Amino acid sequence: MSYYNDLAQSLRKRGCEEAQVLDVLEHVRETVETTRLEPDQEFGASDDFASQCTGPRRRSPGSTTLNVFGALGLICVVVYAVRPDLFAFTTPVIRQFAGMIAMLVLLLVGAFVAAFVDTRLPRQFSLNSGGSRPGSGGSRQ
């Protein structure tokens, strides 16, 4: 992953809103363009730089996504406990563990989706100059 993806993930985990994430990423990009240094040389590790920023969110979008997939997995376990005949299409060996298998699969898929959601760059952000949006609403602290 790039420094920008790592920084976006760290900012989201610290509760920053998307506008704040975008502002910080644009600040880093503009500074790097000006100084011609690498982002980690100019600002240090992305986690350390993100520690200067805080936001109002209690959880990152990725953790919310993982919670949704986990809840779906639990629903599969409950459905299996109440109506195991719904899993009759599987082989007898798999049928015994169908609820748990469904839950594990959903948690694994959820973990990958959550990682993508937290590390993605905002749509408005571009590594090229001029890719920013007007009127940003976030702030760095």
N, C-alpha and C. Protein backbone atom coordinates (compact mmCIF):
# COMPACT_ATOMS: atom_id res chain seq x y z
N MET A 1 0.83 -1.19 0.00
CA MET A 1 0.00 0.00 0.00
C MET A 1 0.88 1.25 0.00
N SER A 2 0.29 2.32 -0.48
CA SER A 2 1.02 3.57 -0.51
C SER A 2 0.90 4.29 0.84
N TYR A 3 1.73 5.26 1.00
CA TYR A 3 1.69 6.09 2.20
C TYR A 3 0.31 6.71 2.36
N TYR A 4 -0.30 7.12 1.25
CA TYR A 4 -1.60 7.77 1.29
C TYR A 4 -2.70 6.81 1.75
N ASN A 5 -2.66 5.55 1.28
CA ASN A 5 -3.63 4.56 1.73
C ASN A 5 -3.46 4.27 3.22
N ASP A 6 -2.22 4.12 3.66
CA ASP A 6 -1.96 3.88 5.09
C ASP A 6 -2.43 5.05 5.94
N LEU A 7 -2.17 6.26 5.45
CA LEU A 7 -2.59 7.45 6.18
C LEU A 7 -4.11 7.54 6.24
N ALA A 8 -4.79 7.25 5.13
CA ALA A 8 -6.26 7.27 5.11
C ALA A 8 -6.81 6.27 6.12
N GLN A 9 -6.23 5.08 6.16
CA GLN A 9 -6.69 4.07 7.11
C GLN A 9 -6.47 4.53 8.56
N SER A 10 -5.31 5.08 8.84
CA SER A 10 -5.01 5.54 10.20
C SER A 10 -5.95 6.67 10.62
N LEU A 11 -6.23 7.58 9.70
CA LEU A 11 -7.13 8.69 10.02
C LEU A 11 -8.55 8.19 10.29
N ARG A 12 -9.02 7.25 9.48
CA ARG A 12 -10.37 6.71 9.70
C ARG A 12 -10.45 5.97 11.03
N LYS A 13 -9.39 5.25 11.38
CA LYS A 13 -9.40 4.54 12.66
C LYS A 13 -9.35 5.49 13.84
N ARG A 14 -8.91 6.73 13.61
CA ARG A 14 -8.89 7.74 14.67
C ARG A 14 -10.18 8.55 14.70
N GLY A 15 -11.16 8.15 13.88
CA GLY A 15 -12.48 8.78 13.93
C GLY A 15 -12.67 9.95 13.01
N CYS A 16 -11.76 10.18 12.08
CA CYS A 16 -11.89 11.33 11.19
C CYS A 16 -12.98 11.09 10.15
N GLU A 17 -13.71 12.14 9.86
CA GLU A 17 -14.72 12.12 8.80
C GLU A 17 -14.00 12.15 7.45
N GLU A 18 -14.74 11.84 6.38
CA GLU A 18 -14.14 11.81 5.05
C GLU A 18 -13.56 13.16 4.64
N ALA A 19 -14.22 14.24 5.01
CA ALA A 19 -13.71 15.58 4.67
C ALA A 19 -12.36 15.82 5.34
N GLN A 20 -12.21 15.38 6.58
CA GLN A 20 -10.93 15.53 7.27
C GLN A 20 -9.86 14.67 6.60
N VAL A 21 -10.22 13.44 6.25
CA VAL A 21 -9.26 12.55 5.58
C VAL A 21 -8.80 13.20 4.28
N LEU A 22 -9.72 13.72 3.52
CA LEU A 22 -9.38 14.38 2.26
C LEU A 22 -8.48 15.58 2.48
N ASP A 23 -8.79 16.41 3.47
CA ASP A 23 -7.97 17.59 3.76
C ASP A 23 -6.54 17.21 4.11
N VAL A 24 -6.38 16.21 4.96
CA VAL A 24 -5.04 15.80 5.38
C VAL A 24 -4.28 15.21 4.19
N LEU A 25 -4.92 14.38 3.40
CA LEU A 25 -4.25 13.79 2.24
C LEU A 25 -3.82 14.86 1.24
N GLU A 26 -4.69 15.86 1.02
CA GLU A 26 -4.33 16.94 0.11
C GLU A 26 -3.17 17.77 0.67
N HIS A 27 -3.18 18.00 1.98
CA HIS A 27 -2.08 18.73 2.61
C HIS A 27 -0.76 17.99 2.41
N VAL A 28 -0.78 16.68 2.62
CA VAL A 28 0.43 15.88 2.45
C VAL A 28 0.89 15.92 0.99
N ARG A 29 -0.05 15.74 0.07
CA ARG A 29 0.30 15.75 -1.36
C ARG A 29 0.90 17.09 -1.77
N GLU A 30 0.26 18.20 -1.35
CA GLU A 30 0.76 19.52 -1.72
C GLU A 30 2.14 19.79 -1.13
N THR A 31 2.34 19.38 0.11
CA THR A 31 3.63 19.58 0.75
C THR A 31 4.71 18.76 0.06
N VAL A 32 4.39 17.52 -0.28
CA VAL A 32 5.35 16.64 -0.96
C VAL A 32 5.71 17.20 -2.33
N GLU A 33 4.71 17.76 -3.03
CA GLU A 33 4.98 18.37 -4.33
C GLU A 33 5.90 19.58 -4.19
N THR A 34 5.73 20.32 -3.12
CA THR A 34 6.54 21.51 -2.90
C THR A 34 7.96 21.16 -2.49
N THR A 35 8.09 20.24 -1.55
CA THR A 35 9.42 19.92 -1.01
C THR A 35 10.17 18.89 -1.83
N ARG A 36 9.47 18.12 -2.67
CA ARG A 36 10.05 17.05 -3.49
C ARG A 36 10.63 15.92 -2.65
N LEU A 37 10.17 15.80 -1.41
CA LEU A 37 10.58 14.69 -0.55
C LEU A 37 9.49 13.62 -0.57
N GLU A 38 9.84 12.44 -0.14
CA GLU A 38 8.84 11.38 0.02
C GLU A 38 7.97 11.72 1.23
N PRO A 39 6.71 11.29 1.25
CA PRO A 39 5.83 11.62 2.37
C PRO A 39 6.38 11.15 3.72
N ASP A 40 6.96 9.97 3.77
CA ASP A 40 7.47 9.47 5.05
C ASP A 40 8.71 10.25 5.50
N GLN A 41 9.46 10.81 4.56
CA GLN A 41 10.59 11.65 4.94
C GLN A 41 10.12 12.99 5.50
N GLU A 42 9.06 13.51 4.90
CA GLU A 42 8.55 14.82 5.31
C GLU A 42 7.72 14.75 6.60
N PHE A 43 6.88 13.73 6.72
CA PHE A 43 5.92 13.67 7.82
C PHE A 43 6.16 12.52 8.80
N GLY A 44 7.05 11.61 8.48
CA GLY A 44 7.27 10.44 9.34
C GLY A 44 6.27 9.35 9.00
N ALA A 45 6.20 8.36 9.86
CA ALA A 45 5.29 7.23 9.64
C ALA A 45 3.85 7.72 9.60
N SER A 46 3.03 7.07 8.77
CA SER A 46 1.65 7.51 8.61
C SER A 46 0.87 7.44 9.92
N ASP A 47 1.11 6.42 10.73
CA ASP A 47 0.43 6.32 12.03
C ASP A 47 0.81 7.47 12.95
N ASP A 48 2.09 7.84 12.94
CA ASP A 48 2.53 8.95 13.79
C ASP A 48 1.92 10.27 13.34
N PHE A 49 1.89 10.48 12.03
CA PHE A 49 1.30 11.72 11.52
C PHE A 49 -0.20 11.76 11.80
N ALA A 50 -0.88 10.63 11.64
CA ALA A 50 -2.32 10.57 11.88
C ALA A 50 -2.65 10.78 13.35
N SER A 51 -1.71 10.52 14.24
CA SER A 51 -1.99 10.69 15.67
C SER A 51 -2.22 12.16 16.03
N GLN A 52 -1.87 13.07 15.15
CA GLN A 52 -2.11 14.49 15.39
C GLN A 52 -3.56 14.87 15.09
N CYS A 53 -4.29 13.98 14.46
CA CYS A 53 -5.66 14.28 14.02
C CYS A 53 -6.66 13.45 14.81
N THR A 54 -7.79 14.04 15.08
CA THR A 54 -8.88 13.31 15.73
C THR A 54 -10.18 13.66 15.04
N GLY A 55 -11.17 12.83 15.25
CA GLY A 55 -12.45 13.09 14.64
C GLY A 55 -13.58 12.64 15.55
N PRO A 56 -14.81 12.93 15.17
CA PRO A 56 -15.96 12.65 16.01
C PRO A 56 -16.46 11.21 15.96
N ARG A 57 -16.05 10.44 14.96
CA ARG A 57 -16.55 9.07 14.84
C ARG A 57 -16.00 8.18 15.93
N ARG A 58 -16.85 7.24 16.36
CA ARG A 58 -16.41 6.27 17.36
C ARG A 58 -15.81 5.04 16.70
N ARG A 59 -16.20 4.74 15.48
CA ARG A 59 -15.64 3.60 14.76
C ARG A 59 -15.41 3.96 13.30
N SER A 60 -14.49 3.24 12.71
CA SER A 60 -14.19 3.49 11.30
C SER A 60 -15.24 2.83 10.43
N PRO A 61 -15.38 3.28 9.18
CA PRO A 61 -16.34 2.62 8.28
C PRO A 61 -16.04 1.13 8.10
N GLY A 62 -14.76 0.77 8.12
CA GLY A 62 -14.39 -0.63 7.98
C GLY A 62 -14.84 -1.49 9.15
N SER A 63 -14.75 -0.96 10.35
CA SER A 63 -15.20 -1.75 11.51
C SER A 63 -16.72 -1.90 11.50
N THR A 64 -17.42 -0.88 11.02
CA THR A 64 -18.87 -0.99 10.88
C THR A 64 -19.22 -2.06 9.84
N THR A 65 -18.49 -2.08 8.74
CA THR A 65 -18.69 -3.09 7.71
C THR A 65 -18.46 -4.49 8.26
N LEU A 66 -17.40 -4.66 9.03
CA LEU A 66 -17.10 -5.96 9.62
C LEU A 66 -18.21 -6.37 10.60
N ASN A 67 -18.75 -5.42 11.35
CA ASN A 67 -19.86 -5.72 12.25
C ASN A 67 -21.09 -6.21 11.49
N VAL A 68 -21.35 -5.62 10.33
CA VAL A 68 -22.50 -6.04 9.53
C VAL A 68 -22.30 -7.47 9.04
N PHE A 69 -21.11 -7.78 8.53
CA PHE A 69 -20.85 -9.14 8.07
C PHE A 69 -20.89 -10.13 9.23
N GLY A 70 -20.40 -9.73 10.40
CA GLY A 70 -20.48 -10.59 11.58
C GLY A 70 -21.92 -10.85 11.99
N ALA A 71 -22.75 -9.82 11.93
CA ALA A 71 -24.17 -10.00 12.26
C ALA A 71 -24.85 -10.94 11.28
N LEU A 72 -24.51 -10.82 9.99
CA LEU A 72 -25.05 -11.74 9.00
C LEU A 72 -24.61 -13.17 9.29
N GLY A 73 -23.36 -13.33 9.73
CA GLY A 73 -22.88 -14.66 10.10
C GLY A 73 -23.64 -15.23 11.28
N LEU A 74 -23.91 -14.41 12.27
CA LEU A 74 -24.70 -14.87 13.41
C LEU A 74 -26.12 -15.24 13.01
N ILE A 75 -26.67 -14.48 12.08
CA ILE A 75 -28.01 -14.81 11.57
C ILE A 75 -27.98 -16.18 10.89
N CYS A 76 -26.91 -16.46 10.15
CA CYS A 76 -26.79 -17.79 9.52
C CYS A 76 -26.75 -18.89 10.58
N VAL A 77 -26.03 -18.67 11.66
CA VAL A 77 -25.96 -19.67 12.73
C VAL A 77 -27.34 -19.88 13.35
N VAL A 78 -28.06 -18.78 13.60
CA VAL A 78 -29.40 -18.88 14.19
C VAL A 78 -30.36 -19.59 13.23
N VAL A 79 -30.30 -19.23 11.95
CA VAL A 79 -31.16 -19.89 10.96
C VAL A 79 -30.85 -21.38 10.92
N TYR A 80 -29.57 -21.73 10.97
CA TYR A 80 -29.20 -23.14 10.97
C TYR A 80 -29.74 -23.84 12.22
N ALA A 81 -29.69 -23.17 13.37
CA ALA A 81 -30.17 -23.78 14.61
C ALA A 81 -31.69 -23.97 14.57
N VAL A 82 -32.41 -23.05 13.96
CA VAL A 82 -33.86 -23.11 13.93
C VAL A 82 -34.36 -23.99 12.77
N ARG A 83 -33.75 -23.83 11.60
CA ARG A 83 -34.21 -24.55 10.40
C ARG A 83 -33.05 -25.21 9.69
N PRO A 84 -32.47 -26.27 10.25
CA PRO A 84 -31.33 -26.92 9.60
C PRO A 84 -31.68 -27.52 8.24
N ASP A 85 -32.96 -27.76 7.99
CA ASP A 85 -33.37 -28.33 6.70
C ASP A 85 -33.08 -27.38 5.53
N LEU A 86 -32.89 -26.08 5.81
CA LEU A 86 -32.55 -25.13 4.75
C LEU A 86 -31.16 -25.41 4.18
N PHE A 87 -30.33 -26.11 4.94
CA PHE A 87 -28.98 -26.44 4.49
C PHE A 87 -28.90 -27.87 3.95
N ALA A 88 -30.03 -28.45 3.59
CA ALA A 88 -30.08 -29.84 3.13
C ALA A 88 -29.39 -30.04 1.79
N PHE A 89 -29.14 -28.98 1.07
CA PHE A 89 -28.49 -29.11 -0.24
C PHE A 89 -27.00 -29.45 -0.13
N THR A 90 -26.42 -29.36 1.07
CA THR A 90 -25.00 -29.64 1.25
C THR A 90 -24.79 -31.12 1.56
N THR A 91 -23.53 -31.53 1.53
CA THR A 91 -23.22 -32.92 1.86
C THR A 91 -23.43 -33.14 3.36
N PRO A 92 -23.64 -34.39 3.79
CA PRO A 92 -23.90 -34.65 5.22
C PRO A 92 -22.79 -34.15 6.16
N VAL A 93 -21.55 -34.24 5.74
CA VAL A 93 -20.45 -33.79 6.60
C VAL A 93 -20.50 -32.27 6.77
N ILE A 94 -20.68 -31.56 5.67
CA ILE A 94 -20.73 -30.10 5.73
C ILE A 94 -22.01 -29.64 6.43
N ARG A 95 -23.10 -30.37 6.25
CA ARG A 95 -24.39 -29.99 6.82
C ARG A 95 -24.30 -29.83 8.35
N GLN A 96 -23.47 -30.65 8.98
CA GLN A 96 -23.34 -30.59 10.44
C GLN A 96 -22.75 -29.26 10.90
N PHE A 97 -21.93 -28.66 10.05
CA PHE A 97 -21.23 -27.43 10.45
C PHE A 97 -21.61 -26.24 9.55
N ALA A 98 -22.72 -26.36 8.84
CA ALA A 98 -23.09 -25.35 7.85
C ALA A 98 -23.23 -23.95 8.45
N GLY A 99 -23.83 -23.84 9.59
CA GLY A 99 -24.00 -22.53 10.22
C GLY A 99 -22.67 -21.88 10.55
N MET A 100 -21.76 -22.67 11.12
CA MET A 100 -20.44 -22.14 11.48
C MET A 100 -19.62 -21.82 10.23
N ILE A 101 -19.72 -22.67 9.21
CA ILE A 101 -18.99 -22.41 7.97
C ILE A 101 -19.48 -21.12 7.34
N ALA A 102 -20.79 -20.93 7.31
CA ALA A 102 -21.34 -19.70 6.75
C ALA A 102 -20.86 -18.48 7.53
N MET A 103 -20.83 -18.60 8.84
CA MET A 103 -20.37 -17.49 9.66
C MET A 103 -18.89 -17.18 9.39
N LEU A 104 -18.05 -18.21 9.33
CA LEU A 104 -16.63 -18.00 9.07
C LEU A 104 -16.40 -17.39 7.69
N VAL A 105 -17.13 -17.87 6.70
CA VAL A 105 -16.98 -17.31 5.35
C VAL A 105 -17.39 -15.84 5.35
N LEU A 106 -18.49 -15.52 5.98
CA LEU A 106 -18.94 -14.12 6.03
C LEU A 106 -17.95 -13.24 6.79
N LEU A 107 -17.36 -13.75 7.86
CA LEU A 107 -16.37 -12.97 8.60
C LEU A 107 -15.11 -12.74 7.76
N LEU A 108 -14.68 -13.76 7.03
CA LEU A 108 -13.51 -13.59 6.16
C LEU A 108 -13.78 -12.57 5.05
N VAL A 109 -14.92 -12.70 4.40
CA VAL A 109 -15.28 -11.74 3.36
C VAL A 109 -15.40 -10.34 3.98
N GLY A 110 -16.02 -10.27 5.15
CA GLY A 110 -16.16 -8.98 5.84
C GLY A 110 -14.83 -8.35 6.17
N ALA A 111 -13.86 -9.16 6.57
CA ALA A 111 -12.54 -8.63 6.90
C ALA A 111 -11.87 -8.02 5.66
N PHE A 112 -12.00 -8.69 4.52
CA PHE A 112 -11.42 -8.14 3.29
C PHE A 112 -12.14 -6.87 2.85
N VAL A 113 -13.44 -6.87 2.94
CA VAL A 113 -14.21 -5.67 2.56
C VAL A 113 -13.89 -4.52 3.51
N ALA A 114 -13.80 -4.82 4.81
CA ALA A 114 -13.49 -3.78 5.80
C ALA A 114 -12.11 -3.18 5.55
N ALA A 115 -11.14 -4.02 5.22
CA ALA A 115 -9.80 -3.51 4.93
C ALA A 115 -9.82 -2.60 3.71
N PHE A 116 -10.57 -2.99 2.69
CA PHE A 116 -10.68 -2.15 1.50
C PHE A 116 -11.36 -0.82 1.83
N VAL A 117 -12.42 -0.87 2.60
CA VAL A 117 -13.18 0.34 2.92
C VAL A 117 -12.31 1.33 3.71
N ASP A 118 -11.51 0.83 4.63
CA ASP A 118 -10.68 1.73 5.44
C ASP A 118 -9.45 2.25 4.71
N THR A 119 -8.91 1.49 3.76
CA THR A 119 -7.67 1.93 3.11
C THR A 119 -7.89 2.66 1.80
N ARG A 120 -9.12 2.70 1.31
CA ARG A 120 -9.36 3.37 0.04
C ARG A 120 -9.13 4.87 0.18
N LEU A 121 -8.75 5.48 -0.92
CA LEU A 121 -8.59 6.93 -0.95
C LEU A 121 -9.94 7.58 -1.26
N PRO A 122 -10.21 8.76 -0.72
CA PRO A 122 -11.47 9.44 -1.05
C PRO A 122 -11.59 9.68 -2.55
N ARG A 123 -12.80 9.64 -3.08
CA ARG A 123 -13.02 9.81 -4.52
C ARG A 123 -12.44 11.12 -5.04
N GLN A 124 -12.55 12.16 -4.24
CA GLN A 124 -12.12 13.48 -4.70
C GLN A 124 -10.60 13.64 -4.69
N PHE A 125 -9.88 12.71 -4.06
CA PHE A 125 -8.43 12.85 -3.92
C PHE A 125 -7.74 12.31 -5.16
N SER A 126 -6.76 13.06 -5.62
CA SER A 126 -5.94 12.64 -6.74
C SER A 126 -4.49 12.92 -6.39
N LEU A 127 -3.61 12.03 -6.79
CA LEU A 127 -2.20 12.27 -6.53
C LEU A 127 -1.63 13.35 -7.44
N ASN A 128 -2.40 13.75 -8.44
CA ASN A 128 -2.00 14.83 -9.34
C ASN A 128 -2.51 16.15 -8.80
N SER A 129 -1.84 17.22 -9.10
CA SER A 129 -2.29 18.55 -8.69
C SER A 129 -3.64 18.85 -9.30
N GLY A 130 -4.45 19.60 -8.58
CA GLY A 130 -5.74 20.02 -9.10
C GLY A 130 -6.83 18.99 -8.92
N GLY A 131 -6.57 17.91 -8.21
CA GLY A 131 -7.58 16.89 -8.02
C GLY A 131 -8.42 17.10 -6.79
N SER A 132 -8.26 18.25 -6.15
CA SER A 132 -9.00 18.48 -4.90
C SER A 132 -10.35 19.10 -5.18
N ARG A 133 -11.21 18.99 -4.23
CA ARG A 133 -12.54 19.57 -4.36
C ARG A 133 -12.55 20.92 -3.67
N PRO A 134 -13.38 21.85 -4.10
CA PRO A 134 -13.46 23.16 -3.43
C PRO A 134 -14.22 23.06 -2.12
N GLY A 135 -13.90 23.95 -1.21
CA GLY A 135 -14.66 24.07 0.04
C GLY A 135 -14.57 22.88 0.94
N SER A 136 -13.40 22.53 1.38
CA SER A 136 -13.28 21.38 2.28
C SER A 136 -13.82 21.75 3.65
N GLY A 137 -14.39 20.75 4.33
CA GLY A 137 -15.05 21.04 5.59
C GLY A 137 -14.36 20.49 6.81
N GLY A 138 -13.27 19.78 6.67
CA GLY A 138 -12.62 19.17 7.83
C GLY A 138 -11.51 20.06 8.35
N SER A 139 -10.92 19.60 9.46
CA SER A 139 -9.81 20.35 10.03
C SER A 139 -8.81 19.39 10.67
N ARG A 140 -7.56 19.81 10.67
CA ARG A 140 -6.53 19.04 11.36
C ARG A 140 -6.31 19.67 12.72
N GLN A 141 -5.98 18.84 13.67
CA GLN A 141 -5.72 19.38 15.01
C GLN A 141 -4.30 19.14 15.41
